[in-house]
C-alpha cells in the first residue's frame, strides 16, 4: 500500500537534497498540510472556491516534493477544479467527495513519510 502513496525514488532524492534539514522540512510539511487541509475543508463548507485554490496549491507542491504522488495528484485535482469554479463563478460542491477524501489520504501519507524518516527504521535499498 505504501508503494502507491509515495514515489520512493523522489523521496530519497529529496532526502539527499535536503540533507540534515530533511526532518525539519518534513515537520513543516506536516504543519502546513494540517493547516491546508483544514482551510480547504472550511472553504468547501463555505462553498468558497477561491479559498480552496491557495491551500490546495501549497499542499500539492509540498506533497510532490516528498514524492507523495497520490496526495499531490488529489490536491492538484482539487486546485484545478477550484480555479475553474472561480473562473466560471460556480460552487465547488461537486468536489465534496474529493475534499472529504483529502484528510484521510494526508494523514495516511504523512504517517508513512514520518515512519520512513524515523532514524530507527531500516532504510530501503536504493
N, C-alpha and C. Protein backbone atom coordinates (compact mmCIF):
# COMPACT_ATOMS: atom_id res chain seq x y z
N UNK A 1 0.83 -1.19 0.00
CA UNK A 1 0.00 0.00 0.00
C UNK A 1 0.87 1.25 0.00
N UNK A 2 1.94 1.26 0.79
CA UNK A 2 2.84 2.41 0.87
C UNK A 2 3.40 2.76 -0.51
N UNK A 3 3.63 1.73 -1.32
CA UNK A 3 4.20 1.95 -2.65
C UNK A 3 3.30 2.82 -3.51
N UNK A 4 1.99 2.76 -3.28
CA UNK A 4 1.06 3.57 -4.06
C UNK A 4 0.98 5.01 -3.55
N UNK A 5 1.40 5.23 -2.33
CA UNK A 5 1.31 6.57 -1.75
C UNK A 5 2.53 7.42 -2.06
N UNK A 6 3.70 6.80 -2.11
CA UNK A 6 4.94 7.56 -2.20
C UNK A 6 5.82 7.03 -3.33
N UNK A 7 6.36 7.94 -4.10
CA UNK A 7 7.40 7.61 -5.08
C UNK A 7 8.70 7.64 -4.29
N UNK A 8 9.20 6.46 -3.94
CA UNK A 8 10.35 6.37 -3.06
C UNK A 8 11.62 6.91 -3.69
N UNK A 9 11.73 6.89 -5.00
CA UNK A 9 12.90 7.49 -5.66
C UNK A 9 12.91 9.00 -5.43
N UNK A 10 11.75 9.63 -5.58
CA UNK A 10 11.64 11.07 -5.34
C UNK A 10 11.89 11.39 -3.86
N UNK A 11 11.34 10.57 -2.98
CA UNK A 11 11.56 10.74 -1.55
C UNK A 11 13.05 10.71 -1.23
N UNK A 12 13.76 9.70 -1.74
CA UNK A 12 15.20 9.58 -1.47
C UNK A 12 15.97 10.76 -2.06
N UNK A 13 15.58 11.20 -3.25
CA UNK A 13 16.26 12.34 -3.88
C UNK A 13 16.08 13.60 -3.02
N UNK A 14 14.88 13.79 -2.50
CA UNK A 14 14.62 14.95 -1.63
C UNK A 14 15.41 14.83 -0.35
N UNK A 15 15.48 13.64 0.19
CA UNK A 15 16.23 13.42 1.42
C UNK A 15 17.70 13.77 1.22
N UNK A 16 18.27 13.37 0.10
CA UNK A 16 19.67 13.70 -0.20
C UNK A 16 19.82 15.20 -0.41
N UNK A 17 18.90 15.79 -1.17
CA UNK A 17 18.96 17.22 -1.48
C UNK A 17 18.87 18.08 -0.21
N UNK A 18 18.00 17.69 0.72
CA UNK A 18 17.80 18.49 1.93
C UNK A 18 18.80 18.15 3.04
N UNK A 19 19.39 16.97 2.98
CA UNK A 19 20.41 16.59 3.95
C UNK A 19 19.90 16.68 5.38
N UNK A 20 20.68 17.35 6.21
CA UNK A 20 20.36 17.46 7.63
C UNK A 20 19.05 18.20 7.89
N UNK A 21 18.57 18.96 6.93
CA UNK A 21 17.33 19.73 7.08
C UNK A 21 16.08 18.90 6.78
N UNK A 22 16.27 17.68 6.31
CA UNK A 22 15.14 16.87 5.85
C UNK A 22 14.04 16.72 6.90
N UNK A 23 14.39 16.29 8.10
CA UNK A 23 13.38 16.03 9.13
C UNK A 23 12.67 17.33 9.52
N UNK A 24 13.40 18.43 9.59
CA UNK A 24 12.79 19.72 9.92
C UNK A 24 11.79 20.13 8.83
N UNK A 25 12.18 19.97 7.57
CA UNK A 25 11.30 20.34 6.45
C UNK A 25 10.08 19.42 6.40
N UNK A 26 10.27 18.14 6.71
CA UNK A 26 9.13 17.23 6.79
C UNK A 26 8.17 17.68 7.89
N UNK A 27 8.71 18.19 8.98
CA UNK A 27 7.88 18.74 10.05
C UNK A 27 7.06 19.94 9.57
N UNK A 28 7.69 20.79 8.75
CA UNK A 28 6.95 21.92 8.18
C UNK A 28 5.83 21.42 7.27
N UNK A 29 6.12 20.37 6.50
CA UNK A 29 5.10 19.78 5.63
C UNK A 29 3.92 19.31 6.47
N UNK A 30 4.20 18.69 7.59
CA UNK A 30 3.14 18.23 8.48
C UNK A 30 2.29 19.41 8.96
N UNK A 31 2.95 20.43 9.48
CA UNK A 31 2.24 21.61 9.99
C UNK A 31 1.45 22.32 8.89
N UNK A 32 2.12 22.56 7.75
CA UNK A 32 1.47 23.24 6.63
C UNK A 32 0.31 22.42 6.08
N UNK A 33 0.51 21.09 6.02
CA UNK A 33 -0.51 20.22 5.48
C UNK A 33 -1.76 20.20 6.33
N UNK A 34 -1.58 20.15 7.64
CA UNK A 34 -2.72 20.18 8.56
C UNK A 34 -3.52 21.46 8.34
N UNK A 35 -2.81 22.58 8.23
CA UNK A 35 -3.48 23.87 8.01
C UNK A 35 -4.15 23.92 6.64
N UNK A 36 -3.47 23.40 5.61
CA UNK A 36 -4.02 23.43 4.25
C UNK A 36 -5.29 22.60 4.15
N UNK A 37 -5.26 21.40 4.71
CA UNK A 37 -6.44 20.53 4.66
C UNK A 37 -7.61 21.21 5.39
N UNK A 38 -7.36 21.78 6.55
CA UNK A 38 -8.42 22.47 7.30
C UNK A 38 -8.97 23.65 6.50
N UNK A 39 -8.08 24.41 5.86
CA UNK A 39 -8.51 25.57 5.07
C UNK A 39 -9.36 25.13 3.87
N UNK A 40 -8.97 24.04 3.23
CA UNK A 40 -9.74 23.51 2.09
C UNK A 40 -11.12 23.06 2.57
N UNK A 41 -11.16 22.35 3.69
CA UNK A 41 -12.45 21.90 4.23
C UNK A 41 -13.33 23.08 4.62
N UNK A 42 -12.75 24.08 5.26
CA UNK A 42 -13.51 25.28 5.65
C UNK A 42 -14.06 25.99 4.42
N UNK A 43 -13.22 26.14 3.41
CA UNK A 43 -13.65 26.81 2.19
C UNK A 43 -14.75 26.02 1.48
N UNK A 44 -14.64 24.70 1.50
CA UNK A 44 -15.67 23.88 0.88
C UNK A 44 -17.00 24.04 1.62
N UNK A 45 -16.94 24.05 2.96
CA UNK A 45 -18.17 24.25 3.75
C UNK A 45 -18.81 25.59 3.41
N UNK A 46 -17.98 26.58 3.14
CA UNK A 46 -18.47 27.92 2.80
C UNK A 46 -18.79 28.06 1.31
N UNK A 47 -18.56 26.99 0.56
CA UNK A 47 -18.74 27.00 -0.90
C UNK A 47 -17.92 28.10 -1.55
N UNK A 48 -16.71 28.26 -1.03
CA UNK A 48 -15.80 29.32 -1.47
C UNK A 48 -14.64 28.73 -2.29
N UNK A 49 -14.83 28.64 -3.58
CA UNK A 49 -13.80 28.06 -4.45
C UNK A 49 -12.49 28.83 -4.35
N UNK A 50 -12.57 30.13 -4.24
CA UNK A 50 -11.37 30.96 -4.15
C UNK A 50 -10.53 30.57 -2.94
N UNK A 51 -11.19 30.24 -1.84
CA UNK A 51 -10.50 29.86 -0.62
C UNK A 51 -9.85 28.48 -0.67
N UNK A 52 -10.17 27.72 -1.68
CA UNK A 52 -9.60 26.38 -1.85
C UNK A 52 -8.29 26.43 -2.62
N UNK A 53 -8.17 27.36 -3.54
CA UNK A 53 -7.06 27.37 -4.51
C UNK A 53 -5.68 27.38 -3.85
N UNK A 54 -5.39 28.36 -3.02
CA UNK A 54 -4.04 28.50 -2.45
C UNK A 54 -3.66 27.33 -1.55
N UNK A 55 -4.51 26.93 -0.59
CA UNK A 55 -4.09 25.80 0.23
C UNK A 55 -3.94 24.50 -0.57
N UNK A 56 -4.77 24.29 -1.58
CA UNK A 56 -4.63 23.08 -2.41
C UNK A 56 -3.33 23.15 -3.20
N UNK A 57 -2.99 24.32 -3.71
CA UNK A 57 -1.75 24.52 -4.46
C UNK A 57 -0.53 24.25 -3.56
N UNK A 58 -0.57 24.80 -2.36
CA UNK A 58 0.53 24.60 -1.40
C UNK A 58 0.68 23.13 -1.04
N UNK A 59 -0.43 22.48 -0.73
CA UNK A 59 -0.39 21.07 -0.37
C UNK A 59 0.16 20.24 -1.52
N UNK A 60 -0.28 20.53 -2.72
CA UNK A 60 0.21 19.81 -3.91
C UNK A 60 1.73 19.92 -4.01
N UNK A 61 2.24 21.13 -3.97
CA UNK A 61 3.68 21.33 -4.15
C UNK A 61 4.49 20.65 -3.05
N UNK A 62 4.06 20.79 -1.82
CA UNK A 62 4.81 20.20 -0.73
C UNK A 62 4.73 18.68 -0.76
N UNK A 63 3.58 18.14 -1.10
CA UNK A 63 3.43 16.68 -1.19
C UNK A 63 4.34 16.12 -2.27
N UNK A 64 4.34 16.74 -3.43
CA UNK A 64 5.15 16.23 -4.53
C UNK A 64 6.64 16.33 -4.23
N UNK A 65 7.04 17.31 -3.44
CA UNK A 65 8.44 17.44 -3.04
C UNK A 65 8.92 16.19 -2.32
N UNK A 66 8.04 15.57 -1.53
CA UNK A 66 8.40 14.37 -0.78
C UNK A 66 8.03 13.09 -1.51
N UNK A 67 7.59 13.20 -2.75
CA UNK A 67 7.23 12.02 -3.52
C UNK A 67 5.85 11.49 -3.20
N UNK A 68 5.04 12.27 -2.49
CA UNK A 68 3.69 11.85 -2.12
C UNK A 68 2.76 12.06 -3.32
N UNK A 69 2.90 11.17 -4.29
CA UNK A 69 2.22 11.32 -5.57
C UNK A 69 0.69 11.31 -5.46
N UNK A 70 0.14 10.38 -4.72
CA UNK A 70 -1.33 10.29 -4.61
C UNK A 70 -1.91 11.55 -3.99
N UNK A 71 -1.29 11.99 -2.91
CA UNK A 71 -1.74 13.21 -2.24
C UNK A 71 -1.57 14.42 -3.15
N UNK A 72 -0.42 14.53 -3.79
CA UNK A 72 -0.16 15.65 -4.69
C UNK A 72 -1.14 15.69 -5.85
N UNK A 73 -1.47 14.52 -6.39
CA UNK A 73 -2.40 14.45 -7.51
C UNK A 73 -3.80 14.86 -7.09
N UNK A 74 -4.24 14.38 -5.92
CA UNK A 74 -5.57 14.77 -5.44
C UNK A 74 -5.63 16.27 -5.14
N UNK A 75 -4.60 16.80 -4.50
CA UNK A 75 -4.57 18.24 -4.20
C UNK A 75 -4.58 19.05 -5.49
N UNK A 76 -3.84 18.59 -6.50
CA UNK A 76 -3.81 19.30 -7.78
C UNK A 76 -5.19 19.26 -8.46
N UNK A 77 -5.84 18.11 -8.40
CA UNK A 77 -7.17 17.97 -8.98
C UNK A 77 -8.14 18.95 -8.31
N UNK A 78 -8.08 19.01 -6.99
CA UNK A 78 -8.95 19.93 -6.24
C UNK A 78 -8.61 21.38 -6.59
N UNK A 79 -7.31 21.69 -6.66
CA UNK A 79 -6.88 23.04 -7.02
C UNK A 79 -7.40 23.45 -8.39
N UNK A 80 -7.22 22.58 -9.38
CA UNK A 80 -7.63 22.92 -10.76
C UNK A 80 -9.14 23.10 -10.86
N UNK A 81 -9.89 22.24 -10.16
CA UNK A 81 -11.34 22.39 -10.18
C UNK A 81 -11.76 23.69 -9.50
N UNK A 82 -11.12 24.01 -8.38
CA UNK A 82 -11.44 25.26 -7.67
C UNK A 82 -11.13 26.46 -8.57
N UNK A 83 -10.00 26.42 -9.27
CA UNK A 83 -9.67 27.51 -10.20
C UNK A 83 -10.76 27.65 -11.27
N UNK A 84 -11.21 26.51 -11.78
CA UNK A 84 -12.28 26.52 -12.78
C UNK A 84 -13.55 27.15 -12.20
N UNK A 85 -13.87 26.78 -10.97
CA UNK A 85 -15.06 27.34 -10.31
C UNK A 85 -14.94 28.85 -10.11
N UNK A 86 -13.74 29.30 -9.79
CA UNK A 86 -13.53 30.75 -9.64
C UNK A 86 -13.79 31.44 -10.97
N UNK A 87 -13.25 30.87 -12.04
CA UNK A 87 -13.42 31.48 -13.37
C UNK A 87 -14.87 31.48 -13.82
N UNK A 88 -15.57 30.40 -13.54
CA UNK A 88 -16.96 30.28 -14.00
C UNK A 88 -17.97 30.74 -12.96
N UNK A 89 -17.48 31.12 -11.78
CA UNK A 89 -18.31 31.56 -10.65
C UNK A 89 -19.31 30.48 -10.24
N UNK A 90 -18.84 29.23 -10.27
CA UNK A 90 -19.65 28.09 -9.84
C UNK A 90 -19.26 27.70 -8.42
N UNK A 91 -20.15 26.98 -7.78
CA UNK A 91 -19.86 26.43 -6.46
C UNK A 91 -18.98 25.18 -6.61
N UNK A 92 -18.06 24.96 -5.69
CA UNK A 92 -17.20 23.77 -5.76
C UNK A 92 -17.84 22.51 -5.18
N UNK A 93 -19.13 22.56 -4.84
CA UNK A 93 -19.80 21.45 -4.16
C UNK A 93 -19.61 20.10 -4.84
N UNK A 94 -19.51 20.09 -6.15
CA UNK A 94 -19.34 18.85 -6.89
C UNK A 94 -18.11 18.07 -6.42
N UNK A 95 -17.12 18.78 -5.89
CA UNK A 95 -15.88 18.13 -5.46
C UNK A 95 -15.88 17.76 -3.97
N UNK A 96 -17.01 17.85 -3.33
CA UNK A 96 -17.10 17.50 -1.91
C UNK A 96 -16.52 16.10 -1.62
N UNK A 97 -16.85 15.06 -2.40
CA UNK A 97 -16.28 13.74 -2.10
C UNK A 97 -14.74 13.72 -2.16
N UNK A 98 -14.17 14.49 -3.06
CA UNK A 98 -12.71 14.54 -3.15
C UNK A 98 -12.12 15.28 -1.95
N UNK A 99 -12.77 16.34 -1.54
CA UNK A 99 -12.29 17.08 -0.37
C UNK A 99 -12.42 16.21 0.88
N UNK A 100 -13.48 15.45 0.98
CA UNK A 100 -13.67 14.55 2.13
C UNK A 100 -12.56 13.49 2.14
N UNK A 101 -12.12 13.05 0.99
CA UNK A 101 -11.06 12.04 0.88
C UNK A 101 -9.67 12.60 1.19
N UNK A 102 -9.53 13.91 1.17
CA UNK A 102 -8.22 14.54 1.32
C UNK A 102 -7.60 14.31 2.70
N UNK A 103 -8.34 14.53 3.76
CA UNK A 103 -7.78 14.41 5.12
C UNK A 103 -7.26 12.99 5.40
N UNK A 104 -8.05 11.93 5.15
CA UNK A 104 -7.51 10.60 5.43
C UNK A 104 -6.29 10.27 4.57
N UNK A 105 -6.28 10.73 3.33
CA UNK A 105 -5.11 10.48 2.47
C UNK A 105 -3.90 11.24 3.00
N UNK A 106 -4.09 12.49 3.41
CA UNK A 106 -3.00 13.26 4.00
C UNK A 106 -2.45 12.56 5.24
N UNK A 107 -3.34 12.16 6.14
CA UNK A 107 -2.91 11.54 7.39
C UNK A 107 -2.17 10.22 7.14
N UNK A 108 -2.68 9.41 6.23
CA UNK A 108 -2.02 8.14 5.91
C UNK A 108 -0.65 8.38 5.27
N UNK A 109 -0.59 9.33 4.35
CA UNK A 109 0.66 9.64 3.68
C UNK A 109 1.68 10.19 4.66
N UNK A 110 1.26 11.10 5.51
CA UNK A 110 2.17 11.68 6.50
C UNK A 110 2.71 10.59 7.43
N UNK A 111 1.87 9.68 7.84
CA UNK A 111 2.31 8.59 8.72
C UNK A 111 3.39 7.75 8.02
N UNK A 112 3.20 7.47 6.76
CA UNK A 112 4.19 6.69 6.00
C UNK A 112 5.50 7.46 5.89
N UNK A 113 5.41 8.74 5.56
CA UNK A 113 6.62 9.57 5.42
C UNK A 113 7.36 9.69 6.74
N UNK A 114 6.63 9.92 7.81
CA UNK A 114 7.27 10.07 9.12
C UNK A 114 7.88 8.75 9.60
N UNK A 115 7.20 7.66 9.33
CA UNK A 115 7.74 6.35 9.69
C UNK A 115 9.06 6.10 8.95
N UNK A 116 9.09 6.44 7.68
CA UNK A 116 10.30 6.24 6.88
C UNK A 116 11.42 7.18 7.33
N UNK A 117 11.07 8.36 7.80
CA UNK A 117 12.09 9.34 8.22
C UNK A 117 12.66 9.02 9.60
N UNK A 118 12.01 8.14 10.34
CA UNK A 118 12.47 7.78 11.68
C UNK A 118 13.85 7.13 11.57
N UNK A 119 14.83 7.61 12.31
CA UNK A 119 16.19 7.07 12.19
C UNK A 119 16.30 5.62 12.63
N UNK A 120 15.30 5.12 13.35
CA UNK A 120 15.34 3.73 13.80
C UNK A 120 14.82 2.75 12.76
N UNK A 121 14.21 3.30 11.67
CA UNK A 121 13.67 2.45 10.62
C UNK A 121 14.80 2.00 9.71
N UNK A 122 14.81 0.72 9.40
CA UNK A 122 15.80 0.21 8.45
C UNK A 122 15.52 0.84 7.09
N UNK A 123 16.52 1.41 6.47
CA UNK A 123 16.36 2.11 5.19
C UNK A 123 16.09 1.15 4.05
N UNK A 124 15.28 1.62 3.12
CA UNK A 124 15.02 0.85 1.89
C UNK A 124 16.28 0.86 1.04
N UNK A 125 16.49 -0.21 0.36
CA UNK A 125 17.66 -0.26 -0.54
C UNK A 125 17.35 0.52 -1.81
N UNK A 126 18.36 1.29 -2.23
CA UNK A 126 18.17 2.12 -3.42
C UNK A 126 18.17 1.28 -4.67
